[in-house]
Amino acid sequence: MESRKSWNDLSPSQQRAIVAAGVVQLLLATAALLDLRRRPSEQVRGPKGLWVAAAFVNTVGPLAYFAFGRRRG
């Protein structure tokens, strides 16, 4: 059975990739939450509270909101 690697066991490029993925995650969640706050309920598909909760589900939640949660026009 493999033992878990610690942060220091990762190569510098692996560490940078993890940090970059975390930054992307934070930016997407922040953008989705700001958009939800500013957008009227009539322009959101489904309850806003559900989309707020979805924004905290990894990268999938914010991407789903931007793809399916907003009404156009």
Protein backbone atom coordinates (compact mmCIF):
# COMPACT_ATOMS: atom_id res chain seq x y z
CA MET A 1 0.00 0.00 0.00
CA GLU A 2 1.34 3.45 -0.94
CA SER A 3 1.88 6.01 1.75
CA ARG A 4 0.49 9.49 1.28
CA LYS A 5 2.83 12.16 -0.01
CA SER A 6 3.34 15.32 1.96
CA TRP A 7 3.58 18.74 0.34
CA ASN A 8 7.39 18.60 0.48
CA ASP A 9 7.45 15.26 -1.37
CA LEU A 10 5.84 16.87 -4.43
CA SER A 11 7.96 18.38 -7.18
CA PRO A 12 7.90 22.15 -7.60
CA SER A 13 5.86 21.82 -10.78
CA GLN A 14 3.29 19.65 -8.98
CA GLN A 15 3.09 22.21 -6.18
CA ARG A 16 2.55 25.03 -8.70
CA ALA A 17 -0.18 23.04 -10.46
CA ILE A 18 -2.03 22.48 -7.18
CA VAL A 19 -1.77 26.16 -6.24
CA ALA A 20 -2.94 27.20 -9.74
CA ALA A 21 -5.94 24.85 -9.53
CA GLY A 22 -6.82 26.32 -6.14
CA VAL A 23 -6.65 29.86 -7.50
CA VAL A 24 -8.89 28.93 -10.45
CA GLN A 25 -11.35 27.32 -8.04
CA LEU A 26 -11.46 30.44 -5.87
CA LEU A 27 -11.85 32.78 -8.84
CA LEU A 28 -14.71 30.75 -10.33
CA ALA A 29 -16.55 30.51 -7.02
CA THR A 30 -16.10 34.23 -6.36
CA ALA A 31 -17.31 35.16 -9.84
CA ALA A 32 -20.37 32.91 -9.51
CA LEU A 33 -21.25 34.27 -6.07
CA LEU A 34 -20.85 37.90 -7.19
CA ASP A 35 -22.97 37.25 -10.27
CA LEU A 36 -25.67 35.62 -8.14
CA ARG A 37 -25.68 38.54 -5.76
CA ARG A 38 -26.08 41.11 -8.53
CA ARG A 39 -28.47 39.19 -10.80
CA PRO A 40 -32.24 39.47 -10.18
CA SER A 41 -34.01 36.21 -9.28
CA GLU A 42 -35.98 36.35 -12.53
CA GLN A 43 -32.74 35.91 -14.46
CA VAL A 44 -31.65 32.79 -12.53
CA ARG A 45 -32.90 29.30 -13.35
CA GLY A 46 -33.98 27.74 -10.06
CA PRO A 47 -33.58 29.04 -6.52
CA LYS A 48 -30.61 31.31 -5.89
CA GLY A 49 -29.84 29.51 -2.63
CA LEU A 50 -29.32 26.27 -4.50
CA TRP A 51 -26.87 27.93 -6.87
CA VAL A 52 -25.02 29.55 -3.96
CA ALA A 53 -24.58 26.10 -2.41
CA ALA A 54 -23.49 24.69 -5.79
CA ALA A 55 -20.83 27.41 -6.08
CA PHE A 56 -18.97 25.70 -3.23
CA VAL A 57 -18.88 22.31 -4.99
CA ASN A 58 -15.36 22.20 -6.37
CA THR A 59 -15.07 23.68 -9.88
CA VAL A 60 -18.15 21.89 -11.15
CA GLY A 61 -20.66 24.05 -9.26
CA PRO A 62 -19.57 27.45 -10.60
CA LEU A 63 -19.16 26.06 -14.11
CA ALA A 64 -22.65 24.55 -13.96
CA TYR A 65 -24.05 27.88 -12.81
CA PHE A 66 -22.45 29.77 -15.69
CA ALA A 67 -23.52 27.10 -18.20
CA PHE A 68 -27.07 26.37 -16.99
CA GLY A 69 -28.07 28.66 -14.12
CA ARG A 70 -28.35 32.01 -15.84
CA ARG A 71 -31.11 33.11 -18.15
CA ARG A 72 -30.11 35.14 -21.16
CA GLY A 73 -31.70 38.49 -21.92
